[in-house]
Amino acid sequence: AVSGSQGGGLLLVVIQNFPVVYHTSQVQVRFGLFAGRVLRLLGSDASATSLHVQIPAGDPGVVQLVIQQVPGASPWSLNPSPGGAATATTSFTFIDSNVPVVSEFSPFEVYSDLPNEVTVDLSGVSDSIDQDLVSVSLQDVDSGEVV
């Protein structure tokens, strides 16, 4: 599964061969170092457990997604896992979803018959991007020509 680094999205998690749980408090979810929030238990029986999980914000990259039964979270759990809490794991990828934006540029007008230097300030550029790989192209408004 994949999400933007800002988080907030909804992830459907379906786990096979997981102990039956009866409430969201009986399940913990972690995306690497970051805790996810179980929003809804859609169903849980002997064949599968289905959850809606809110994805937390995270750093770009691949992390371990860990879904774990919380032992003793409910006194009416009918099938506690022998030997401790049941755990399911898979990989999850946070992508860098920042969109660079031109926050300022100068001068405002540039004449094509003179040599010019244009300064452009960008915001929203990820720290993980090598600044030497960033380039900016200018386009003539009238002709559409890239200058």
C-alpha atoms as a PDB file:
ATOM      1  CA  ALA A   1       0.000   0.000   0.000  1.00  0.00           C
ATOM      2  CA  VAL A   2       1.081   3.583  -0.651  1.00  0.00           C
ATOM      3  CA  SER A   3       0.164   6.992   0.817  1.00  0.00           C
ATOM      4  CA  GLY A   4       1.349  10.573   0.660  1.00  0.00           C
ATOM      5  CA  SER A   5       3.626  11.676   3.479  1.00  0.00           C
ATOM      6  CA  GLN A   6       0.949  14.024   4.917  1.00  0.00           C
ATOM      7  CA  GLY A   7      -1.181  11.038   5.964  1.00  0.00           C
ATOM      8  CA  GLY A   8      -4.871  11.330   6.766  1.00  0.00           C
ATOM      9  CA  GLY A   9      -6.001   8.789   4.180  1.00  0.00           C
ATOM     10  CA  LEU A  10      -8.082   5.713   4.885  1.00  0.00           C
ATOM     11  CA  LEU A  11      -6.642   2.214   4.475  1.00  0.00           C
ATOM     12  CA  LEU A  12      -8.716  -0.956   4.309  1.00  0.00           C
ATOM     13  CA  VAL A  13      -6.832  -3.722   6.112  1.00  0.00           C
ATOM     14  CA  VAL A  14      -7.952  -7.344   5.716  1.00  0.00           C
ATOM     15  CA  ILE A  15      -6.028  -9.907   7.768  1.00  0.00           C
ATOM     16  CA  GLN A  16      -6.382 -13.664   7.278  1.00  0.00           C
ATOM     17  CA  ASN A  17      -5.926 -16.077  10.214  1.00  0.00           C
ATOM     18  CA  PHE A  18      -6.044 -13.332  12.850  1.00  0.00           C
ATOM     19  CA  PRO A  19      -7.818 -13.924  16.179  1.00  0.00           C
ATOM     20  CA  VAL A  20     -11.406 -12.724  16.354  1.00  0.00           C
ATOM     21  CA  VAL A  21     -11.670  -9.232  17.860  1.00  0.00           C
ATOM     22  CA  TYR A  22     -14.826  -7.410  18.904  1.00  0.00           C
ATOM     23  CA  HIS A  23     -13.755  -3.777  19.236  1.00  0.00           C
ATOM     24  CA  THR A  24     -11.253  -1.326  17.732  1.00  0.00           C
ATOM     25  CA  SER A  25      -9.508  -1.092  21.108  1.00  0.00           C
ATOM     26  CA  GLN A  26      -8.373  -4.694  20.655  1.00  0.00           C
ATOM     27  CA  VAL A  27      -6.141  -3.817  17.691  1.00  0.00           C
ATOM     28  CA  GLN A  28      -3.074  -1.571  17.398  1.00  0.00           C
ATOM     29  CA  VAL A  29      -1.603  -0.449  14.087  1.00  0.00           C
ATOM     30  CA  ARG A  30       1.860   1.028  13.477  1.00  0.00           C
ATOM     31  CA  PHE A  31       3.338   2.433  10.288  1.00  0.00           C
ATOM     32  CA  GLY A  32       7.024   2.173  11.143  1.00  0.00           C
ATOM     33  CA  LEU A  33       7.483   4.548  14.101  1.00  0.00           C
ATOM     34  CA  PHE A  34       4.062   6.169  13.673  1.00  0.00           C
ATOM     35  CA  ALA A  35       0.813   4.930  15.224  1.00  0.00           C
ATOM     36  CA  GLY A  36      -2.185   4.482  12.972  1.00  0.00           C
ATOM     37  CA  ARG A  37      -5.727   4.860  14.267  1.00  0.00           C
ATOM     38  CA  VAL A  38      -8.256   2.056  13.887  1.00  0.00           C
ATOM     39  CA  LEU A  39     -11.411   3.946  12.920  1.00  0.00           C
ATOM     40  CA  ARG A  40     -13.779   1.042  12.367  1.00  0.00           C
ATOM     41  CA  LEU A  41     -13.888  -2.695  12.838  1.00  0.00           C
ATOM     42  CA  LEU A  42     -15.749  -3.874   9.738  1.00  0.00           C
ATOM     43  CA  GLY A  43     -15.849  -7.502  10.752  1.00  0.00           C
ATOM     44  CA  SER A  44     -13.906 -10.237  12.437  1.00  0.00           C
ATOM     45  CA  ASP A  45     -14.439 -13.982  12.292  1.00  0.00           C
ATOM     46  CA  ALA A  46     -12.395 -17.168  12.052  1.00  0.00           C
ATOM     47  CA  SER A  47     -11.474 -16.489   8.415  1.00  0.00           C
ATOM     48  CA  ALA A  48     -10.607 -12.761   8.376  1.00  0.00           C
ATOM     49  CA  THR A  49     -10.553  -9.463  10.260  1.00  0.00           C
ATOM     50  CA  SER A  50     -11.304  -6.263   8.339  1.00  0.00           C
ATOM     51  CA  LEU A  51     -10.467  -2.765   9.590  1.00  0.00           C
ATOM     52  CA  HIS A  52     -10.525   0.844   8.391  1.00  0.00           C
ATOM     53  CA  VAL A  53      -7.310   2.508   9.544  1.00  0.00           C
ATOM     54  CA  GLN A  54      -6.405   6.199   9.348  1.00  0.00           C
ATOM     55  CA  ILE A  55      -2.915   6.603   7.907  1.00  0.00           C
ATOM     56  CA  PRO A  56      -0.634   8.862   9.981  1.00  0.00           C
ATOM     57  CA  ALA A  57       1.815  11.366   8.513  1.00  0.00           C
ATOM     58  CA  GLY A  58       5.175   9.740   7.834  1.00  0.00           C
ATOM     59  CA  ASP A  59       8.562  10.277   6.288  1.00  0.00           C
ATOM     60  CA  PRO A  60       8.933   9.246   2.629  1.00  0.00           C
ATOM     61  CA  GLY A  61      10.119   5.666   2.260  1.00  0.00           C
ATOM     62  CA  VAL A  62       9.152   2.064   2.958  1.00  0.00           C
ATOM     63  CA  VAL A  63       8.136   1.155   6.514  1.00  0.00           C
ATOM     64  CA  GLN A  64       6.852  -1.945   8.248  1.00  0.00           C
ATOM     65  CA  LEU A  65       3.064  -1.909   8.710  1.00  0.00           C
ATOM     66  CA  VAL A  66       2.312  -3.859  11.907  1.00  0.00           C
ATOM     67  CA  ILE A  67      -1.200  -4.844  12.992  1.00  0.00           C
ATOM     68  CA  GLN A  68      -1.274  -6.349  16.460  1.00  0.00           C
ATOM     69  CA  GLN A  69      -3.949  -7.784  18.714  1.00  0.00           C
ATOM     70  CA  VAL A  70      -3.927  -6.024  22.092  1.00  0.00           C
ATOM     71  CA  PRO A  71      -3.830  -8.791  24.709  1.00  0.00           C
ATOM     72  CA  GLY A  72      -6.311  -8.373  27.535  1.00  0.00           C
ATOM     73  CA  ALA A  73      -7.958  -5.301  25.967  1.00  0.00           C
ATOM     74  CA  SER A  74     -11.368  -6.814  26.495  1.00  0.00           C
ATOM     75  CA  PRO A  75     -12.531  -9.171  29.217  1.00  0.00           C
ATOM     76  CA  TRP A  76     -14.983 -10.805  26.797  1.00  0.00           C
ATOM     77  CA  SER A  77     -12.478 -11.841  24.146  1.00  0.00           C
ATOM     78  CA  LEU A  78     -13.303 -15.467  23.446  1.00  0.00           C
ATOM     79  CA  ASN A  79     -10.050 -16.481  21.805  1.00  0.00           C
ATOM     80  CA  PRO A  80      -6.944 -14.815  23.211  1.00  0.00           C
ATOM     81  CA  SER A  81      -3.842 -15.756  21.272  1.00  0.00           C
ATOM     82  CA  PRO A  82      -1.803 -18.499  22.886  1.00  0.00           C
ATOM     83  CA  GLY A  83       1.688 -17.277  23.677  1.00  0.00           C
ATOM     84  CA  GLY A  84       0.915 -13.555  23.370  1.00  0.00           C
ATOM     85  CA  ALA A  85      -0.579 -11.077  20.933  1.00  0.00           C
ATOM     86  CA  ALA A  86      -1.135 -12.041  17.315  1.00  0.00           C
ATOM     87  CA  THR A  87       0.752  -9.869  14.824  1.00  0.00           C
ATOM     88  CA  ALA A  88       0.435  -9.331  11.082  1.00  0.00           C
ATOM     89  CA  THR A  89       3.044  -7.392   9.094  1.00  0.00           C
ATOM     90  CA  THR A  90       3.534  -6.086   5.574  1.00  0.00           C
ATOM     91  CA  SER A  91       5.390  -3.234   3.915  1.00  0.00           C
ATOM     92  CA  PHE A  92       3.895   0.235   3.413  1.00  0.00           C
ATOM     93  CA  THR A  93       5.316   3.088   1.321  1.00  0.00           C
ATOM     94  CA  PHE A  94       5.017   6.767   2.179  1.00  0.00           C
ATOM     95  CA  ILE A  95       5.607   8.854  -0.938  1.00  0.00           C
ATOM     96  CA  ASP A  96       6.753  12.460  -0.965  1.00  0.00           C
ATOM     97  CA  SER A  97       3.563  14.225  -1.987  1.00  0.00           C
ATOM     98  CA  ASN A  98       4.809  17.794  -1.577  1.00  0.00           C
ATOM     99  CA  VAL A  99       4.043  19.970  -4.592  1.00  0.00           C
ATOM    100  CA  PRO A 100       6.601  22.727  -5.206  1.00  0.00           C
ATOM    101  CA  VAL A 101       5.094  26.199  -5.589  1.00  0.00           C
ATOM    102  CA  VAL A 102       6.686  29.376  -6.896  1.00  0.00           C
ATOM    103  CA  SER A 103       6.375  31.645  -3.875  1.00  0.00           C
ATOM    104  CA  GLU A 104       8.237  34.627  -5.325  1.00  0.00           C
ATOM    105  CA  PHE A 105      10.131  35.652  -8.417  1.00  0.00           C
ATOM    106  CA  SER A 106      11.866  38.791  -9.634  1.00  0.00           C
ATOM    107  CA  PRO A 107      12.043  40.780 -11.768  1.00  0.00           C
ATOM    108  CA  PHE A 108       8.361  40.679 -12.751  1.00  0.00           C
ATOM    109  CA  GLU A 109       8.999  41.580 -16.411  1.00  0.00           C
ATOM    110  CA  VAL A 110      11.947  40.414 -18.484  1.00  0.00           C
ATOM    111  CA  TYR A 111      12.811  41.799 -21.911  1.00  0.00           C
ATOM    112  CA  SER A 112      13.967  39.219 -24.424  1.00  0.00           C
ATOM    113  CA  ASP A 113      16.496  41.486 -26.128  1.00  0.00           C
ATOM    114  CA  LEU A 114      18.570  41.957 -22.961  1.00  0.00           C
ATOM    115  CA  PRO A 115      20.531  39.439 -20.922  1.00  0.00           C
ATOM    116  CA  ASN A 116      18.536  38.813 -17.748  1.00  0.00           C
ATOM    117  CA  GLU A 117      18.827  37.010 -14.478  1.00  0.00           C
ATOM    118  CA  VAL A 118      15.624  35.782 -12.884  1.00  0.00           C
ATOM    119  CA  THR A 119      15.407  34.802  -9.222  1.00  0.00           C
ATOM    120  CA  VAL A 120      12.768  32.215  -8.281  1.00  0.00           C
ATOM    121  CA  ASP A 121      11.905  31.164  -4.719  1.00  0.00           C
ATOM    122  CA  LEU A 122      10.184  27.787  -4.391  1.00  0.00           C
ATOM    123  CA  SER A 123       8.299  26.482  -1.380  1.00  0.00           C
ATOM    124  CA  GLY A 124       7.105  22.945  -0.801  1.00  0.00           C
ATOM    125  CA  VAL A 125      10.300  21.371  -2.130  1.00  0.00           C
ATOM    126  CA  SER A 126      11.115  18.271  -0.127  1.00  0.00           C
ATOM    127  CA  ASP A 127      14.322  18.203   1.896  1.00  0.00           C
ATOM    128  CA  SER A 128      14.988  14.784   0.367  1.00  0.00           C
ATOM    129  CA  ILE A 129      15.445  16.276  -3.137  1.00  0.00           C
ATOM    130  CA  ASP A 130      18.982  17.152  -4.184  1.00  0.00           C
ATOM    131  CA  GLN A 131      18.862  20.923  -4.816  1.00  0.00           C
ATOM    132  CA  ASP A 132      21.262  20.503  -7.762  1.00  0.00           C
ATOM    133  CA  LEU A 133      18.577  18.451  -9.554  1.00  0.00           C
ATOM    134  CA  VAL A 134      15.939  21.217  -9.392  1.00  0.00           C
ATOM    135  CA  SER A 135      15.491  23.257 -12.556  1.00  0.00           C
ATOM    136  CA  VAL A 136      13.068  26.006 -13.563  1.00  0.00           C
ATOM    137  CA  SER A 137      11.958  26.783 -17.115  1.00  0.00           C
ATOM    138  CA  LEU A 138      10.539  30.121 -18.221  1.00  0.00           C
ATOM    139  CA  GLN A 139       7.921  30.398 -20.938  1.00  0.00           C
ATOM    140  CA  ASP A 140       7.152  33.437 -23.095  1.00  0.00           C
ATOM    141  CA  VAL A 141       3.518  34.354 -22.457  1.00  0.00           C
ATOM    142  CA  ASP A 142       2.844  35.532 -26.020  1.00  0.00           C
ATOM    143  CA  SER A 143       4.642  32.889 -28.091  1.00  0.00           C
ATOM    144  CA  GLY A 144       4.585  29.947 -25.673  1.00  0.00           C
ATOM    145  CA  GLU A 145       8.296  29.481 -26.370  1.00  0.00           C
ATOM    146  CA  VAL A 146      10.392  28.164 -23.505  1.00  0.00           C
ATOM    147  CA  VAL A 147      13.259  30.598 -22.954  1.00  0.00           C
END
